[in-house]
Amino acid sequence: MTRYIGLDAHSESCTIAVLGQSGKRLRYERLQTSAELLKSFIKEVPRPRHLCMEEGTLSEWLYEELTPVVDKLVVVLPDRTPGNKSDLIDACKLADDLRRDAIRRPVYKAPGCFRTLREAARTHYVLQRDKVRTKSRLNALCRGCGHPELGKSLYASKTRTEALKQLPEHLRPRAALFGQQLDALLECTSQAESWLREECSRVPIVKRLATAPGIGLVRAAYLVAVVMTPHRFRTARQFWSYSGLAVVTRSSSDWVSDGSGKWRRSKTQQTRGLNHNRHPLLKNVFKGAALQITLMPEHPLGQAYQRLLMTTKPNLARLTIARRLAAAVLSMWKHGEDYDPSKHGEKTM
């Protein structure tokens, strides 16, 4: 008889519930968040044993630790449910969803796959984002006192001293501290990029994906760190959805009677937009690459963008280019091929 284990993990404690095939609760326990304690408890559950837990800060570590002691381990995105809530209720629900095969949003995990590259990419992305935020704070400070032209002068330590003198006296200490923060972030970002490029040299697929237009080495590293394997996606449409490039339409009362007993589609406006359930980093990668392609008029994708502008709004044209680029990257990765611009031809999506 298969045992289904639900694990609700927190920084200090974990609640585990064990259900049988009929859904009866066989056992539950609250343990300290320790890999050894969790593994010793799970080993006491007879095999076969399947475990389910939610995605979170601890999920990657727990996945690597607990995979050897279970027959199946599933990680799911947290789901909002009405009604009562507690650690035990959550653990039982996870186990019951696994028992009923009702897992709606599983999370892909690949322990040990590109581990160092993924850490380098995470570090670079966070530091790059903090650098941009600090520059935005300096710009906002300058705009708030009527000197928007001083923003860029505060970025560099060489021109910062003179720029500070032009600010109101009560704002100079804050601007100086932001400048010091920016200097430290610039140094850290430079070191993070060197680390990222060093790790990229050890992963051949990153260099291959970097040959795609607008991608480059850093964006290719982000792609590999997030996706890890292209075989997670059977079609390009699935990859578009994961990247936040899938178009979602919503409508209601689609059919109306024409008075003669026949039905026809109503002319109500459909709500359109991109899917919200996506990986934001991948969306930034392909949107940034598509924006760069719009500045490449000699490239086949750049020419396709110019043709699309004749009949399509600029934002939708960029979306089309991003989708075509994502499909090309997925195909390159699956077939182990370098980028070939001639394969785009005259086709538009």
Protein backbone atom coordinates (compact mmCIF):
# COMPACT_ATOMS: atom_id res chain seq x y z
CA MET A 1 0.00 0.00 0.00
CA THR A 2 1.38 3.38 -1.02
CA ARG A 3 1.80 5.97 1.73
CA TYR A 4 1.33 9.64 0.86
CA ILE A 5 3.29 12.16 2.91
CA GLY A 6 2.53 15.87 3.10
CA LEU A 7 5.25 18.17 4.42
CA ASP A 8 4.55 21.74 5.57
CA ALA A 9 7.98 23.24 6.13
CA HIS A 10 8.92 26.38 8.05
CA SER A 11 12.21 27.83 9.23
CA GLU A 12 11.88 26.41 12.77
CA SER A 13 9.44 23.51 12.52
CA CYS A 14 7.99 21.08 9.99
CA THR A 15 4.63 19.32 10.15
CA ILE A 16 4.36 15.92 8.45
CA ALA A 17 1.14 14.00 7.77
CA VAL A 18 0.96 10.46 6.39
CA LEU A 19 -2.16 9.25 4.56
CA GLY A 20 -3.07 5.80 3.29
CA GLN A 21 -4.55 4.95 -0.11
CA SER A 22 -8.08 5.46 1.21
CA GLY A 23 -7.23 8.94 2.53
CA LYS A 24 -7.17 7.89 6.18
CA ARG A 25 -4.66 9.77 8.29
CA LEU A 26 -2.16 7.20 9.53
CA ARG A 27 0.27 9.39 11.36
CA TYR A 28 1.38 12.98 11.85
CA GLU A 29 4.26 14.63 13.64
CA ARG A 30 5.82 18.04 14.29
CA LEU A 31 9.59 18.09 14.03
CA GLN A 32 12.39 20.60 14.17
CA THR A 33 13.54 21.70 10.72
CA SER A 34 16.46 19.31 10.45
CA ALA A 35 17.33 17.10 7.50
CA GLU A 36 18.37 14.23 9.76
CA LEU A 37 15.17 14.30 11.82
CA LEU A 38 12.99 14.47 8.73
CA LYS A 39 14.81 11.60 7.04
CA SER A 40 14.64 9.39 10.12
CA PHE A 41 10.87 9.97 10.36
CA ILE A 42 10.28 9.26 6.67
CA LYS A 43 12.33 6.07 6.81
CA GLU A 44 9.91 4.72 9.41
CA VAL A 45 7.05 4.98 6.88
CA PRO A 46 6.75 1.72 4.89
CA ARG A 47 7.48 1.85 1.16
CA PRO A 48 6.33 2.83 -1.36
CA ARG A 49 6.15 6.37 -0.01
CA HIS A 50 5.38 9.52 -2.01
CA LEU A 51 6.01 12.99 -0.60
CA CYS A 52 4.59 16.40 -1.52
CA MET A 53 5.65 19.83 -0.27
CA GLU A 54 5.17 23.46 -1.23
CA GLU A 55 7.64 25.64 -3.12
CA GLY A 56 9.47 28.04 -0.82
CA THR A 57 12.81 29.10 0.61
CA LEU A 58 13.53 25.63 1.99
CA SER A 59 12.18 23.57 -0.92
CA GLU A 60 15.40 23.26 -2.92
CA TRP A 61 17.43 22.17 0.10
CA LEU A 62 14.74 19.73 1.27
CA TYR A 63 14.33 18.33 -2.24
CA GLU A 64 18.00 17.40 -2.39
CA GLU A 65 18.00 15.96 1.13
CA LEU A 66 14.76 13.95 0.95
CA THR A 67 14.84 12.63 -2.62
CA PRO A 68 16.99 9.57 -1.72
CA VAL A 69 14.57 8.39 0.99
CA VAL A 70 11.26 8.55 -0.95
CA ASP A 71 10.01 6.89 -4.12
CA LYS A 72 8.47 10.08 -5.50
CA LEU A 73 8.82 13.72 -4.47
CA VAL A 74 6.61 16.50 -5.84
CA VAL A 75 6.97 20.24 -5.20
CA VAL A 76 3.91 22.43 -5.84
CA LEU A 77 3.20 26.14 -5.88
CA PRO A 78 1.24 27.34 -2.84
CA ASP A 79 -2.49 27.46 -3.44
CA ARG A 80 -4.90 29.81 -1.71
CA THR A 81 -7.81 27.90 -0.20
CA PRO A 82 -10.75 29.30 1.78
CA GLY A 83 -11.69 28.06 5.21
CA ASN A 84 -9.60 27.00 8.18
CA LYS A 85 -5.83 26.88 7.89
CA SER A 86 -3.09 25.35 10.01
CA ASP A 87 0.17 23.51 9.49
CA LEU A 88 -1.53 20.14 9.93
CA ILE A 89 -4.38 21.03 7.57
CA ASP A 90 -1.86 22.16 4.94
CA ALA A 91 0.22 18.99 5.31
CA CYS A 92 -2.86 16.76 5.01
CA LYS A 93 -4.05 18.67 1.95
CA LEU A 94 -0.69 18.24 0.23
CA ALA A 95 -0.73 14.50 0.91
CA ASP A 96 -4.36 14.18 -0.20
CA ASP A 97 -3.77 16.12 -3.44
CA LEU A 98 -0.89 13.78 -4.22
CA ARG A 99 -3.06 10.75 -3.41
CA ARG A 100 -5.88 11.93 -5.69
CA ASP A 101 -3.46 12.98 -8.45
CA ALA A 102 -4.86 16.51 -8.09
CA ILE A 103 -1.55 18.39 -8.29
CA ARG A 104 -2.29 21.41 -10.48
CA ARG A 105 0.95 23.41 -10.48
CA PRO A 106 4.04 21.24 -9.96
CA VAL A 107 7.45 22.90 -9.79
CA TYR A 108 10.38 21.45 -11.73
CA LYS A 109 13.42 20.58 -9.63
CA ALA A 110 16.79 19.26 -10.80
CA PRO A 111 19.17 18.91 -7.85
CA GLY A 112 22.81 19.39 -8.76
CA CYS A 113 22.08 20.51 -12.35
CA PHE A 114 24.18 23.61 -13.20
CA ARG A 115 24.34 24.36 -9.48
CA THR A 116 27.28 26.78 -9.56
CA LEU A 117 26.04 28.51 -12.72
CA ARG A 118 22.63 29.01 -11.14
CA GLU A 119 24.15 30.58 -8.03
CA ALA A 120 26.31 32.87 -10.17
CA ALA A 121 23.28 33.90 -12.23
CA ARG A 122 21.20 34.58 -9.11
CA THR A 123 23.96 36.68 -7.58
CA HIS A 124 24.48 38.70 -10.75
CA TYR A 125 20.76 39.30 -11.22
CA VAL A 126 20.19 40.48 -7.64
CA LEU A 127 23.20 42.80 -7.64
CA GLN A 128 22.27 44.20 -11.06
CA ARG A 129 18.74 44.90 -9.83
CA ASP A 130 20.03 46.60 -6.67
CA LYS A 131 22.35 48.76 -8.77
CA VAL A 132 19.45 49.93 -10.93
CA ARG A 133 17.35 50.67 -7.84
CA THR A 134 20.09 52.78 -6.31
CA LYS A 135 20.43 54.78 -9.53
CA SER A 136 16.66 55.26 -9.56
CA ARG A 137 16.80 56.62 -6.00
CA LEU A 138 19.45 59.14 -7.03
CA ASN A 139 17.39 60.19 -10.03
CA ALA A 140 14.26 60.57 -7.89
CA LEU A 141 16.17 62.66 -5.36
CA CYS A 142 17.40 65.00 -8.10
CA ARG A 143 13.98 65.31 -9.71
CA GLY A 144 12.41 66.08 -6.34
CA CYS A 145 14.58 69.16 -5.86
CA GLY A 146 14.28 70.47 -9.41
CA HIS A 147 17.69 69.26 -10.69
CA PRO A 148 16.92 66.21 -12.90
CA GLU A 149 20.10 66.82 -14.93
CA LEU A 150 22.32 65.97 -11.94
CA GLY A 151 21.26 62.30 -11.77
CA LYS A 152 23.93 60.90 -14.07
CA SER A 153 26.61 63.15 -12.54
CA LEU A 154 25.99 61.48 -9.17
CA TYR A 155 26.63 58.01 -10.60
CA ALA A 156 30.40 58.40 -11.00
CA SER A 157 32.63 59.18 -8.03
CA LYS A 158 34.71 61.57 -10.19
CA THR A 159 31.80 63.93 -10.92
CA ARG A 160 29.84 63.35 -7.72
CA THR A 161 31.63 65.95 -5.59
CA GLU A 162 30.73 68.82 -7.91
CA ALA A 163 27.20 67.55 -8.40
CA LEU A 164 26.62 67.38 -4.63
CA LYS A 165 27.45 71.06 -4.30
CA GLN A 166 24.54 71.93 -6.60
CA LEU A 167 22.01 70.07 -4.45
CA PRO A 168 20.23 71.69 -1.47
CA GLU A 169 22.30 71.32 1.67
CA HIS A 170 19.79 69.10 3.50
CA LEU A 171 19.84 66.56 0.63
CA ARG A 172 23.60 66.23 0.23
CA PRO A 173 24.16 63.62 3.01
CA ARG A 174 21.49 61.31 1.58
CA ALA A 175 22.82 61.67 -1.97
CA ALA A 176 26.38 61.03 -0.75
CA LEU A 177 25.34 57.84 1.04
CA PHE A 178 23.45 56.62 -2.03
CA GLY A 179 26.58 57.34 -4.06
CA GLN A 180 28.71 55.26 -1.70
CA GLN A 181 26.18 52.44 -1.96
CA LEU A 182 26.31 52.66 -5.74
CA ASP A 183 30.13 52.50 -5.75
CA ALA A 184 30.05 49.32 -3.67
CA LEU A 185 27.36 47.79 -5.87
CA LEU A 186 29.31 48.60 -9.03
CA GLU A 187 32.32 46.76 -7.64
CA CYS A 188 30.24 43.79 -6.51
CA THR A 189 28.41 43.64 -9.84
CA SER A 190 31.72 43.62 -11.71
CA GLN A 191 32.95 40.70 -9.61
CA ALA A 192 29.64 38.87 -10.05
CA GLU A 193 29.82 39.27 -13.82
CA SER A 194 33.37 37.91 -13.86
CA TRP A 195 32.20 34.92 -11.85
CA LEU A 196 29.22 34.41 -14.15
CA ARG A 197 31.38 34.52 -17.28
CA GLU A 198 33.82 32.08 -15.72
CA GLU A 199 30.99 29.62 -15.03
CA CYS A 200 29.58 30.14 -18.53
CA SER A 201 32.89 28.96 -19.99
CA ARG A 202 32.27 25.57 -18.33
CA VAL A 203 28.77 25.13 -19.81
CA PRO A 204 28.91 24.78 -23.62
CA ILE A 205 25.16 25.27 -24.14
CA VAL A 206 25.43 28.84 -22.82
CA LYS A 207 27.82 29.80 -25.63
CA ARG A 208 25.48 28.23 -28.18
CA LEU A 209 22.40 30.10 -26.95
CA ALA A 210 24.41 33.32 -26.81
CA THR A 211 24.67 33.26 -30.63
CA ALA A 212 20.95 34.15 -30.87
CA PRO A 213 20.31 37.86 -31.60
CA GLY A 214 19.81 40.05 -28.55
CA ILE A 215 20.64 37.24 -26.12
CA GLY A 216 24.34 37.49 -25.36
CA LEU A 217 26.27 35.60 -22.73
CA VAL A 218 24.53 36.99 -19.62
CA ARG A 219 20.99 36.42 -20.90
CA ALA A 220 21.97 32.96 -22.12
CA ALA A 221 23.28 32.18 -18.64
CA TYR A 222 19.96 33.31 -17.15
CA LEU A 223 18.10 31.05 -19.59
CA VAL A 224 20.14 27.96 -18.74
CA ALA A 225 20.00 28.69 -15.00
CA VAL A 226 16.19 28.96 -15.03
CA VAL A 227 15.16 26.35 -17.62
CA MET A 228 17.98 23.81 -17.05
CA THR A 229 16.64 21.46 -19.74
CA PRO A 230 14.56 22.24 -22.87
CA HIS A 231 12.82 18.87 -22.75
CA ARG A 232 10.51 20.18 -20.05
CA PHE A 233 8.57 21.80 -22.91
CA ARG A 234 7.09 19.68 -25.67
CA THR A 235 6.08 22.65 -27.84
CA ALA A 236 7.08 26.28 -28.24
CA ARG A 237 3.66 27.35 -26.96
CA GLN A 238 4.37 25.72 -23.62
CA PHE A 239 7.66 27.61 -23.47
CA TRP A 240 5.87 30.87 -24.33
CA SER A 241 3.47 30.32 -21.46
CA TYR A 242 6.32 29.64 -19.00
CA SER A 243 8.08 32.80 -20.24
CA GLY A 244 4.98 34.98 -19.88
CA LEU A 245 4.52 35.41 -23.64
CA ALA A 246 1.23 33.52 -24.01
CA VAL A 247 -1.78 35.61 -25.01
CA VAL A 248 -4.83 35.11 -22.75
CA THR A 249 -8.34 36.04 -23.92
CA ARG A 250 -11.36 36.29 -21.66
CA SER A 251 -14.97 36.73 -22.75
CA SER A 252 -18.47 36.10 -21.49
CA SER A 253 -21.91 35.69 -23.09
CA ASP A 254 -20.29 34.72 -26.40
CA TRP A 255 -23.49 33.66 -28.17
CA VAL A 256 -26.72 35.57 -28.83
CA SER A 257 -29.91 34.66 -30.66
CA ASP A 258 -30.59 36.37 -34.00
CA GLY A 259 -34.35 36.05 -33.52
CA SER A 260 -34.85 33.22 -35.98
CA GLY A 261 -33.82 30.43 -33.65
CA LYS A 262 -30.16 30.50 -34.71
CA TRP A 263 -27.18 31.50 -32.63
CA ARG A 264 -24.39 33.82 -33.66
CA ARG A 265 -21.31 35.12 -31.90
CA SER A 266 -21.80 38.39 -30.07
CA LYS A 267 -19.67 41.40 -30.90
CA THR A 268 -18.58 41.96 -27.31
CA GLN A 269 -14.98 43.02 -26.80
CA GLN A 270 -12.72 40.25 -25.53
CA THR A 271 -10.24 41.03 -22.77
CA ARG A 272 -6.71 40.26 -23.95
CA GLY A 273 -3.41 40.17 -22.17
CA LEU A 274 -0.36 38.05 -21.36
CA ASN A 275 -0.45 35.23 -18.83
CA HIS A 276 0.45 36.17 -15.26
CA ASN A 277 1.59 32.69 -14.19
CA ARG A 278 5.09 32.87 -15.62
CA HIS A 279 8.77 33.16 -14.72
CA PRO A 280 9.49 36.91 -14.61
CA LEU A 281 13.21 36.58 -15.32
CA LEU A 282 12.58 34.72 -18.60
CA LYS A 283 10.06 37.36 -19.64
CA ASN A 284 12.65 40.09 -19.00
CA VAL A 285 15.22 38.17 -21.04
CA PHE A 286 13.06 37.81 -24.14
CA LYS A 287 11.51 41.28 -23.89
CA GLY A 288 14.98 42.83 -23.60
CA ALA A 289 16.29 40.76 -26.50
CA ALA A 290 13.28 41.71 -28.67
CA LEU A 291 13.83 45.39 -27.88
CA GLN A 292 17.46 45.05 -28.96
CA ILE A 293 16.41 43.32 -32.20
CA THR A 294 14.23 46.31 -33.10
CA LEU A 295 17.48 48.28 -33.39
CA MET A 296 18.95 45.75 -35.89
CA PRO A 297 17.32 46.70 -39.24
CA GLU A 298 19.59 44.39 -41.26
CA HIS A 299 18.69 41.26 -39.33
CA PRO A 300 15.79 39.08 -40.60
CA LEU A 301 13.96 39.51 -37.30
CA GLY A 302 14.55 43.26 -37.42
CA GLN A 303 13.10 43.33 -40.94
CA ALA A 304 10.14 41.24 -39.76
CA TYR A 305 9.56 43.80 -37.01
CA GLN A 306 9.46 46.64 -39.54
CA ARG A 307 6.91 44.72 -41.62
CA LEU A 308 4.78 44.06 -38.56
CA LEU A 309 4.66 47.78 -37.75
CA MET A 310 2.67 48.36 -40.93
CA THR A 311 -0.34 46.49 -39.52
CA THR A 312 0.39 45.98 -35.81
CA LYS A 313 0.95 48.16 -32.76
CA PRO A 314 4.62 48.41 -31.67
CA ASN A 315 4.08 46.54 -28.39
CA LEU A 316 2.37 43.63 -30.14
CA ALA A 317 5.05 43.59 -32.83
CA ARG A 318 7.75 43.30 -30.14
CA LEU A 319 5.75 40.49 -28.53
CA THR A 320 5.70 38.62 -31.85
CA ILE A 321 9.47 39.02 -32.20
CA ALA A 322 10.00 37.84 -28.61
CA ARG A 323 7.88 34.75 -29.28
CA ARG A 324 9.78 33.94 -32.48
CA LEU A 325 13.08 34.35 -30.65
CA ALA A 326 11.92 32.11 -27.78
CA ALA A 327 10.87 29.42 -30.26
CA ALA A 328 14.25 29.66 -32.00
CA VAL A 329 16.16 29.40 -28.71
CA LEU A 330 14.15 26.35 -27.65
CA SER A 331 14.81 24.66 -30.99
CA MET A 332 18.54 25.46 -30.86
CA TRP A 333 18.75 23.97 -27.39
CA LYS A 334 16.83 20.81 -28.22
CA HIS A 335 18.71 20.06 -31.45
CA GLY A 336 22.15 21.29 -30.38
CA GLU A 337 22.42 23.80 -33.23
CA ASP A 338 23.89 27.27 -33.45
CA TYR A 339 21.64 30.15 -34.43
CA ASP A 340 20.87 30.31 -38.17
CA PRO A 341 19.14 33.58 -39.21
CA SER A 342 18.18 32.13 -42.60
CA LYS A 343 15.68 29.80 -40.93
CA HIS A 344 13.42 32.71 -40.05
CA GLY A 345 12.72 33.46 -43.71
CA GLU A 346 9.61 35.50 -44.35
CA LYS A 347 7.49 33.73 -41.75
CA THR A 348 5.67 35.81 -39.13
CA MET A 349 3.79 34.64 -36.06
